[in-house]
Each structure stands twice: as structure tokens, then as C-alpha cells.
Amino acid sequence: MQILYFAWLRERIGQPKEELETEALTVGDLVQELKAREPRYAAAFEDMSAVRVAVDQALSDMDAPLKGVREVAFFPPMTGG
């Protein structure tokens, strides 16, 4: 599955995207797996209230299942103007 990082998440993790094989069942499981990888991931996902997620380009939540998913994107909340 492809994982995309935007804005300050990309800056903290140090890359805009990566290809990842995971056994995670939900987005929340994926986040926990990423946080356990390295300190840079733990720092990026420290405050999940400041992170939004899209699963296959549809806004989603941490309980979203990952079975059959090709892309997960993490980004900060967006504001309009």
C-alpha cells in the first residue's frame, strides 16, 4: 500500500510517500505500527487530533478498515478562505 504524507507530517517524517506492506487491519493500527518504527514517525503522529486521513482518496477516520486499500494519506486539517 502507498502511504502519503503532507505538510508538516512530510517534514517530520522526511519523505512525501512510501510503499509499505502491513498487517494492520485499520488506519489506527497502521498509525500504531508507524509510530513504533522510528522516533520521527512517533513525533509526526504524536497528536492525532491534528492529523486527518484519507483512504483511497476519501476522507476517513482511524477505524477505517484497510483490506483492499491501495493508498492512505495523512495530512493536517485544512482551512478554507
PDB file of N, CA and C in Angstrom:
ATOM      1  N   MET A   1       0.844  -1.167   0.000  1.00  0.00           N
ATOM      2  CA  MET A   1       0.000   0.000   0.000  1.00  0.00           C
ATOM      3  C   MET A   1       0.892   1.232   0.000  1.00  0.00           C
ATOM      4  N   GLN A   2       0.417   2.273  -0.631  1.00  0.00           N
ATOM      5  CA  GLN A   2       1.162   3.528  -0.676  1.00  0.00           C
ATOM      6  C   GLN A   2       0.687   4.422   0.465  1.00  0.00           C
ATOM      7  N   ILE A   3       1.650   4.978   1.190  1.00  0.00           N
ATOM      8  CA  ILE A   3       1.362   5.902   2.286  1.00  0.00           C
ATOM      9  C   ILE A   3       1.882   7.271   1.866  1.00  0.00           C
ATOM     10  N   LEU A   4       1.014   8.281   1.942  1.00  0.00           N
ATOM     11  CA  LEU A   4       1.376   9.647   1.566  1.00  0.00           C
ATOM     12  C   LEU A   4       1.365  10.538   2.805  1.00  0.00           C
ATOM     13  N   TYR A   5       2.325  11.438   2.870  1.00  0.00           N
ATOM     14  CA  TYR A   5       2.438  12.390   3.977  1.00  0.00           C
ATOM     15  C   TYR A   5       2.452  13.806   3.405  1.00  0.00           C
ATOM     16  N   PHE A   6       1.674  14.701   4.005  1.00  0.00           N
ATOM     17  CA  PHE A   6       1.583  16.076   3.527  1.00  0.00           C
ATOM     18  C   PHE A   6       1.940  17.069   4.624  1.00  0.00           C
ATOM     19  N   ALA A   7       2.385  18.250   4.189  1.00  0.00           N
ATOM     20  CA  ALA A   7       2.675  19.406   5.054  1.00  0.00           C
ATOM     21  C   ALA A   7       3.685  19.033   6.139  1.00  0.00           C
ATOM     22  N   TRP A   8       3.420  19.409   7.391  1.00  0.00           N
ATOM     23  CA  TRP A   8       4.395  19.179   8.451  1.00  0.00           C
ATOM     24  C   TRP A   8       4.605  17.700   8.752  1.00  0.00           C
ATOM     25  N   LEU A   9       3.649  16.845   8.420  1.00  0.00           N
ATOM     26  CA  LEU A   9       3.873  15.403   8.587  1.00  0.00           C
ATOM     27  C   LEU A   9       5.018  14.949   7.671  1.00  0.00           C
ATOM     28  N   ARG A  10       4.987  15.407   6.439  1.00  0.00           N
ATOM     29  CA  ARG A  10       6.051  15.092   5.481  1.00  0.00           C
ATOM     30  C   ARG A  10       7.395  15.605   6.005  1.00  0.00           C
ATOM     31  N   GLU A  11       7.403  16.798   6.559  1.00  0.00           N
ATOM     32  CA  GLU A  11       8.642  17.377   7.071  1.00  0.00           C
ATOM     33  C   GLU A  11       9.198  16.572   8.248  1.00  0.00           C
ATOM     34  N   ARG A  12       8.331  16.162   9.164  1.00  0.00           N
ATOM     35  CA  ARG A  12       8.795  15.398  10.331  1.00  0.00           C
ATOM     36  C   ARG A  12       9.264  14.000   9.953  1.00  0.00           C
ATOM     37  N   ILE A  13       8.574  13.375   9.015  1.00  0.00           N
ATOM     38  CA  ILE A  13       8.934  12.020   8.613  1.00  0.00           C
ATOM     39  C   ILE A  13      10.104  12.035   7.638  1.00  0.00           C
ATOM     40  N   GLY A  14      10.211  13.101   6.854  1.00  0.00           N
ATOM     41  CA  GLY A  14      11.358  13.256   5.960  1.00  0.00           C
ATOM     42  C   GLY A  14      11.168  12.684   4.568  1.00  0.00           C
ATOM     43  N   GLN A  15       9.932  12.369   4.220  1.00  0.00           N
ATOM     44  CA  GLN A  15       9.647  11.881   2.870  1.00  0.00           C
ATOM     45  C   GLN A  15       8.169  12.089   2.558  1.00  0.00           C
ATOM     46  N   PRO A  16       7.841  12.284   1.284  1.00  0.00           N
ATOM     47  CA  PRO A  16       6.448  12.547   0.923  1.00  0.00           C
ATOM     48  C   PRO A  16       5.594  11.292   0.802  1.00  0.00           C
ATOM     49  N   LYS A  17       6.242  10.140   0.555  1.00  0.00           N
ATOM     50  CA  LYS A  17       5.467   8.910   0.403  1.00  0.00           C
ATOM     51  C   LYS A  17       6.374   7.705   0.563  1.00  0.00           C
ATOM     52  N   GLU A  18       5.744   6.562   0.781  1.00  0.00           N
ATOM     53  CA  GLU A  18       6.479   5.313   0.846  1.00  0.00           C
ATOM     54  C   GLU A  18       5.532   4.166   0.530  1.00  0.00           C
ATOM     55  N   GLU A  19       6.106   3.081   0.077  1.00  0.00           N
ATOM     56  CA  GLU A  19       5.368   1.857  -0.188  1.00  0.00           C
ATOM     57  C   GLU A  19       5.554   0.978   1.040  1.00  0.00           C
ATOM     58  N   LEU A  20       4.459   0.414   1.555  1.00  0.00           N
ATOM     59  CA  LEU A  20       4.533  -0.308   2.817  1.00  0.00           C
ATOM     60  C   LEU A  20       3.667  -1.556   2.773  1.00  0.00           C
ATOM     61  N   GLU A  21       4.223  -2.665   3.221  1.00  0.00           N
ATOM     62  CA  GLU A  21       3.429  -3.871   3.443  1.00  0.00           C
ATOM     63  C   GLU A  21       3.095  -3.898   4.917  1.00  0.00           C
ATOM     64  N   THR A  22       1.828  -4.111   5.245  1.00  0.00           N
ATOM     65  CA  THR A  22       1.401  -4.053   6.627  1.00  0.00           C
ATOM     66  C   THR A  22       0.378  -5.136   6.922  1.00  0.00           C
ATOM     67  N   GLU A  23       0.323  -5.527   8.170  1.00  0.00           N
ATOM     68  CA  GLU A  23      -0.701  -6.454   8.654  1.00  0.00           C
ATOM     69  C   GLU A  23      -1.805  -5.685   9.384  1.00  0.00           C
ATOM     70  N   ALA A  24      -1.706  -4.357   9.400  1.00  0.00           N
ATOM     71  CA  ALA A  24      -2.685  -3.517  10.105  1.00  0.00           C
ATOM     72  C   ALA A  24      -4.083  -3.739   9.516  1.00  0.00           C
ATOM     73  N   LEU A  25      -5.066  -3.822  10.407  1.00  0.00           N
ATOM     74  CA  LEU A  25      -6.449  -4.022   9.979  1.00  0.00           C
ATOM     75  C   LEU A  25      -7.197  -2.716   9.784  1.00  0.00           C
ATOM     76  N   THR A  26      -6.783  -1.677  10.520  1.00  0.00           N
ATOM     77  CA  THR A  26      -7.440  -0.371  10.441  1.00  0.00           C
ATOM     78  C   THR A  26      -6.379   0.720  10.313  1.00  0.00           C
ATOM     79  N   VAL A  27      -6.836   1.922  10.008  1.00  0.00           N
ATOM     80  CA  VAL A  27      -5.922   3.066   9.948  1.00  0.00           C
ATOM     81  C   VAL A  27      -5.255   3.267  11.307  1.00  0.00           C
ATOM     82  N   GLY A  28      -6.010   3.146  12.374  1.00  0.00           N
ATOM     83  CA  GLY A  28      -5.441   3.291  13.714  1.00  0.00           C
ATOM     84  C   GLY A  28      -4.330   2.296  13.978  1.00  0.00           C
ATOM     85  N   ASP A  29      -4.528   1.052  13.537  1.00  0.00           N
ATOM     86  CA  ASP A  29      -3.473   0.038  13.671  1.00  0.00           C
ATOM     87  C   ASP A  29      -2.234   0.442  12.875  1.00  0.00           C
ATOM     88  N   LEU A  30      -2.456   0.980  11.686  1.00  0.00           N
ATOM     89  CA  LEU A  30      -1.350   1.430  10.845  1.00  0.00           C
ATOM     90  C   LEU A  30      -0.563   2.540  11.539  1.00  0.00           C
ATOM     91  N   VAL A  31      -1.267   3.488  12.124  1.00  0.00           N
ATOM     92  CA  VAL A  31      -0.600   4.585  12.835  1.00  0.00           C
ATOM     93  C   VAL A  31       0.256   4.029  13.974  1.00  0.00           C
ATOM     94  N   GLN A  32      -0.272   3.080  14.734  1.00  0.00           N
ATOM     95  CA  GLN A  32       0.499   2.491  15.827  1.00  0.00           C
ATOM     96  C   GLN A  32       1.744   1.778  15.302  1.00  0.00           C
ATOM     97  N   GLU A  33       1.598   1.083  14.184  1.00  0.00           N
ATOM     98  CA  GLU A  33       2.727   0.405  13.556  1.00  0.00           C
ATOM     99  C   GLU A  33       3.787   1.417  13.111  1.00  0.00           C
ATOM    100  N   LEU A  34       3.351   2.501  12.504  1.00  0.00           N
ATOM    101  CA  LEU A  34       4.289   3.534  12.054  1.00  0.00           C
ATOM    102  C   LEU A  34       4.994   4.183  13.243  1.00  0.00           C
ATOM    103  N   LYS A  35       4.250   4.509  14.286  1.00  0.00           N
ATOM    104  CA  LYS A  35       4.836   5.152  15.465  1.00  0.00           C
ATOM    105  C   LYS A  35       5.921   4.292  16.101  1.00  0.00           C
ATOM    106  N   ALA A  36       5.766   2.980  16.006  1.00  0.00           N
ATOM    107  CA  ALA A  36       6.731   2.063  16.619  1.00  0.00           C
ATOM    108  C   ALA A  36       7.993   1.894  15.769  1.00  0.00           C
ATOM    109  N   ARG A  37       7.962   2.354  14.517  1.00  0.00           N
ATOM    110  CA  ARG A  37       9.099   2.166  13.606  1.00  0.00           C
ATOM    111  C   ARG A  37      10.329   2.959  14.018  1.00  0.00           C
ATOM    112  N   GLU A  38      10.136   4.269  14.187  1.00  0.00           N
ATOM    113  CA  GLU A  38      11.257   5.174  14.444  1.00  0.00           C
ATOM    114  C   GLU A  38      10.731   6.408  15.172  1.00  0.00           C
ATOM    115  N   PRO A  39      11.607   7.124  15.870  1.00  0.00           N
ATOM    116  CA  PRO A  39      11.181   8.334  16.574  1.00  0.00           C
ATOM    117  C   PRO A  39      10.553   9.397  15.664  1.00  0.00           C
ATOM    118  N   ARG A  40      10.994   9.502  14.420  1.00  0.00           N
ATOM    119  CA  ARG A  40      10.427  10.528  13.535  1.00  0.00           C
ATOM    120  C   ARG A  40       8.950  10.271  13.257  1.00  0.00           C
ATOM    121  N   TYR A  41       8.553   9.009  13.167  1.00  0.00           N
ATOM    122  CA  TYR A  41       7.137   8.675  12.977  1.00  0.00           C
ATOM    123  C   TYR A  41       6.358   8.945  14.263  1.00  0.00           C
ATOM    124  N   ALA A  42       6.949   8.579  15.393  1.00  0.00           N
ATOM    125  CA  ALA A  42       6.299   8.831  16.680  1.00  0.00           C
ATOM    126  C   ALA A  42       6.057  10.330  16.870  1.00  0.00           C
ATOM    127  N   ALA A  43       7.021  11.156  16.477  1.00  0.00           N
ATOM    128  CA  ALA A  43       6.868  12.610  16.588  1.00  0.00           C
ATOM    129  C   ALA A  43       5.772  13.115  15.646  1.00  0.00           C
ATOM    130  N   ALA A  44       5.735  12.588  14.440  1.00  0.00           N
ATOM    131  CA  ALA A  44       4.744  13.047  13.458  1.00  0.00           C
ATOM    132  C   ALA A  44       3.324  12.706  13.895  1.00  0.00           C
ATOM    133  N   PHE A  45       3.141  11.549  14.510  1.00  0.00           N
ATOM    134  CA  PHE A  45       1.796  11.091  14.892  1.00  0.00           C
ATOM    135  C   PHE A  45       1.516  11.247  16.383  1.00  0.00           C
ATOM    136  N   GLU A  46       2.290  12.103  17.055  1.00  0.00           N
ATOM    137  CA  GLU A  46       2.133  12.296  18.500  1.00  0.00           C
ATOM    138  C   GLU A  46       0.749  12.842  18.859  1.00  0.00           C
ATOM    139  N   ASP A  47       0.269  13.838  18.123  1.00  0.00           N
ATOM    140  CA  ASP A  47      -1.028  14.461  18.409  1.00  0.00           C
ATOM    141  C   ASP A  47      -1.992  14.130  17.270  1.00  0.00           C
ATOM    142  N   MET A  48      -2.726  13.053  17.405  1.00  0.00           N
ATOM    143  CA  MET A  48      -3.613  12.610  16.336  1.00  0.00           C
ATOM    144  C   MET A  48      -4.817  13.527  16.149  1.00  0.00           C
ATOM    145  N   SER A  49      -5.076  14.423  17.088  1.00  0.00           N
ATOM    146  CA  SER A  49      -6.166  15.391  16.886  1.00  0.00           C
ATOM    147  C   SER A  49      -5.802  16.394  15.802  1.00  0.00           C
ATOM    148  N   ALA A  50      -4.504  16.473  15.462  1.00  0.00           N
ATOM    149  CA  ALA A  50      -4.031  17.399  14.431  1.00  0.00           C
ATOM    150  C   ALA A  50      -3.764  16.693  13.102  1.00  0.00           C
ATOM    151  N   VAL A  51      -4.245  15.446  12.969  1.00  0.00           N
ATOM    152  CA  VAL A  51      -3.993  14.667  11.753  1.00  0.00           C
ATOM    153  C   VAL A  51      -5.316  14.195  11.161  1.00  0.00           C
ATOM    154  N   ARG A  52      -5.457  14.351   9.870  1.00  0.00           N
ATOM    155  CA  ARG A  52      -6.617  13.819   9.131  1.00  0.00           C
ATOM    156  C   ARG A  52      -6.107  12.720   8.220  1.00  0.00           C
ATOM    157  N   VAL A  53      -7.032  11.879   7.779  1.00  0.00           N
ATOM    158  CA  VAL A  53      -6.644  10.741   6.946  1.00  0.00           C
ATOM    159  C   VAL A  53      -7.624  10.571   5.791  1.00  0.00           C
ATOM    160  N   ALA A  54      -7.087  10.162   4.658  1.00  0.00           N
ATOM    161  CA  ALA A  54      -7.908   9.786   3.510  1.00  0.00           C
ATOM    162  C   ALA A  54      -7.494   8.374   3.100  1.00  0.00           C
ATOM    163  N   VAL A  55      -8.487   7.548   2.850  1.00  0.00           N
ATOM    164  CA  VAL A  55      -8.264   6.178   2.418  1.00  0.00           C
ATOM    165  C   VAL A  55      -8.759   6.076   0.982  1.00  0.00           C
ATOM    166  N   ASP A  56      -7.867   5.729   0.080  1.00  0.00           N
ATOM    167  CA  ASP A  56      -8.176   5.708  -1.354  1.00  0.00           C
ATOM    168  C   ASP A  56      -8.885   6.994  -1.783  1.00  0.00           C
ATOM    169  N   GLN A  57      -8.345   8.117  -1.316  1.00  0.00           N
ATOM    170  CA  GLN A  57      -8.760   9.479  -1.666  1.00  0.00           C
ATOM    171  C   GLN A  57     -10.135   9.881  -1.141  1.00  0.00           C
ATOM    172  N   ALA A  58     -10.631   9.180  -0.118  1.00  0.00           N
ATOM    173  CA  ALA A  58     -11.884   9.559   0.542  1.00  0.00           C
ATOM    174  C   ALA A  58     -11.589   9.828   2.011  1.00  0.00           C
ATOM    175  N   LEU A  59     -12.036  10.992   2.518  1.00  0.00           N
ATOM    176  CA  LEU A  59     -11.826  11.294   3.927  1.00  0.00           C
ATOM    177  C   LEU A  59     -12.352  10.154   4.782  1.00  0.00           C
ATOM    178  N   SER A  60     -11.604   9.835   5.810  1.00  0.00           N
ATOM    179  CA  SER A  60     -11.945   8.680   6.621  1.00  0.00           C
ATOM    180  C   SER A  60     -11.579   8.951   8.070  1.00  0.00           C
ATOM    181  N   ASP A  61     -11.629   7.899   8.887  1.00  0.00           N
ATOM    182  CA  ASP A  61     -11.252   8.031  10.290  1.00  0.00           C
ATOM    183  C   ASP A  61     -10.331   6.879  10.677  1.00  0.00           C
ATOM    184  N   MET A  62      -9.915   6.864  11.921  1.00  0.00           N
ATOM    185  CA  MET A  62      -8.943   5.885  12.385  1.00  0.00           C
ATOM    186  C   MET A  62      -9.498   4.463  12.434  1.00  0.00           C
ATOM    187  N   ASP A  63     -10.812   4.322  12.431  1.00  0.00           N
ATOM    188  CA  ASP A  63     -11.428   2.993  12.463  1.00  0.00           C
ATOM    189  C   ASP A  63     -11.619   2.396  11.073  1.00  0.00           C
ATOM    190  N   ALA A  64     -11.259   3.114  10.026  1.00  0.00           N
ATOM    191  CA  ALA A  64     -11.467   2.642   8.655  1.00  0.00           C
ATOM    192  C   ALA A  64     -10.661   1.368   8.406  1.00  0.00           C
ATOM    193  N   PRO A  65     -11.294   0.356   7.819  1.00  0.00           N
ATOM    194  CA  PRO A  65     -10.576  -0.879   7.506  1.00  0.00           C
ATOM    195  C   PRO A  65      -9.609  -0.681   6.343  1.00  0.00           C
ATOM    196  N   LEU A  66      -8.545  -1.463   6.345  1.00  0.00           N
ATOM    197  CA  LEU A  66      -7.522  -1.338   5.310  1.00  0.00           C
ATOM    198  C   LEU A  66      -7.550  -2.461   4.281  1.00  0.00           C
ATOM    199  N   LYS A  67      -8.404  -3.429   4.450  1.00  0.00           N
ATOM    200  CA  LYS A  67      -8.452  -4.546   3.498  1.00  0.00           C
ATOM    201  C   LYS A  67      -8.758  -4.021   2.093  1.00  0.00           C
ATOM    202  N   GLY A  68      -7.886  -4.343   1.158  1.00  0.00           N
ATOM    203  CA  GLY A  68      -8.064  -3.933  -0.227  1.00  0.00           C
ATOM    204  C   GLY A  68      -7.699  -2.496  -0.529  1.00  0.00           C
ATOM    205  N   VAL A  69      -7.239  -1.744   0.456  1.00  0.00           N
ATOM    206  CA  VAL A  69      -6.895  -0.332   0.277  1.00  0.00           C
ATOM    207  C   VAL A  69      -5.553  -0.218  -0.445  1.00  0.00           C
ATOM    208  N   ARG A  70      -5.466   0.713  -1.387  1.00  0.00           N
ATOM    209  CA  ARG A  70      -4.222   0.935  -2.130  1.00  0.00           C
ATOM    210  C   ARG A  70      -3.449   2.151  -1.633  1.00  0.00           C
ATOM    211  N   GLU A  71      -4.159   3.132  -1.031  1.00  0.00           N
ATOM    212  CA  GLU A  71      -3.497   4.373  -0.641  1.00  0.00           C
ATOM    213  C   GLU A  71      -4.091   4.928   0.645  1.00  0.00           C
ATOM    214  N   VAL A  72      -3.204   5.349   1.545  1.00  0.00           N
ATOM    215  CA  VAL A  72      -3.596   6.054   2.768  1.00  0.00           C
ATOM    216  C   VAL A  72      -2.799   7.348   2.798  1.00  0.00           C
ATOM    217  N   ALA A  73      -3.492   8.469   2.978  1.00  0.00           N
ATOM    218  CA  ALA A  73      -2.830   9.774   3.030  1.00  0.00           C
ATOM    219  C   ALA A  73      -3.075  10.421   4.391  1.00  0.00           C
ATOM    220  N   PHE A  74      -2.027  10.982   4.960  1.00  0.00           N
ATOM    221  CA  PHE A  74      -2.107  11.685   6.242  1.00  0.00           C
ATOM    222  C   PHE A  74      -1.794  13.154   5.992  1.00  0.00           C
ATOM    223  N   PHE A  75      -2.582  14.051   6.594  1.00  0.00           N
ATOM    224  CA  PHE A  75      -2.406  15.481   6.390  1.00  0.00           C
ATOM    225  C   PHE A  75      -3.025  16.243   7.551  1.00  0.00           C
ATOM    226  N   PRO A  76      -2.599  17.493   7.756  1.00  0.00           N
ATOM    227  CA  PRO A  76      -3.206  18.317   8.811  1.00  0.00           C
ATOM    228  C   PRO A  76      -4.594  18.785   8.377  1.00  0.00           C
ATOM    229  N   PRO A  77      -5.415  19.218   9.339  1.00  0.00           N
ATOM    230  CA  PRO A  77      -6.729  19.766   8.973  1.00  0.00           C
ATOM    231  C   PRO A  77      -6.573  20.920   8.000  1.00  0.00           C
ATOM    232  N   MET A  78      -7.503  21.014   7.081  1.00  0.00           N
ATOM    233  CA  MET A  78      -7.458  22.076   6.070  1.00  0.00           C
ATOM    234  C   MET A  78      -8.410  23.204   6.469  1.00  0.00           C
ATOM    235  N   THR A  79      -8.017  24.392   6.128  1.00  0.00           N
ATOM    236  CA  THR A  79      -8.901  25.540   6.343  1.00  0.00           C
ATOM    237  C   THR A  79      -9.186  26.189   5.004  1.00  0.00           C
ATOM    238  N   GLY A  80     -10.331  26.753   4.907  1.00  0.00           N
ATOM    239  CA  GLY A  80     -10.705  27.412   3.644  1.00  0.00           C
ATOM    240  C   GLY A  80     -10.601  28.913   3.772  1.00  0.00           C
ATOM    241  N   GLY A  81     -10.723  29.557   2.648  1.00  0.00           N
ATOM    242  CA  GLY A  81     -10.648  31.011   2.716  1.00  0.00           C
ATOM    243  C   GLY A  81     -11.263  31.631   1.512  1.00  0.00           C
TER     244      GLY A  81
END
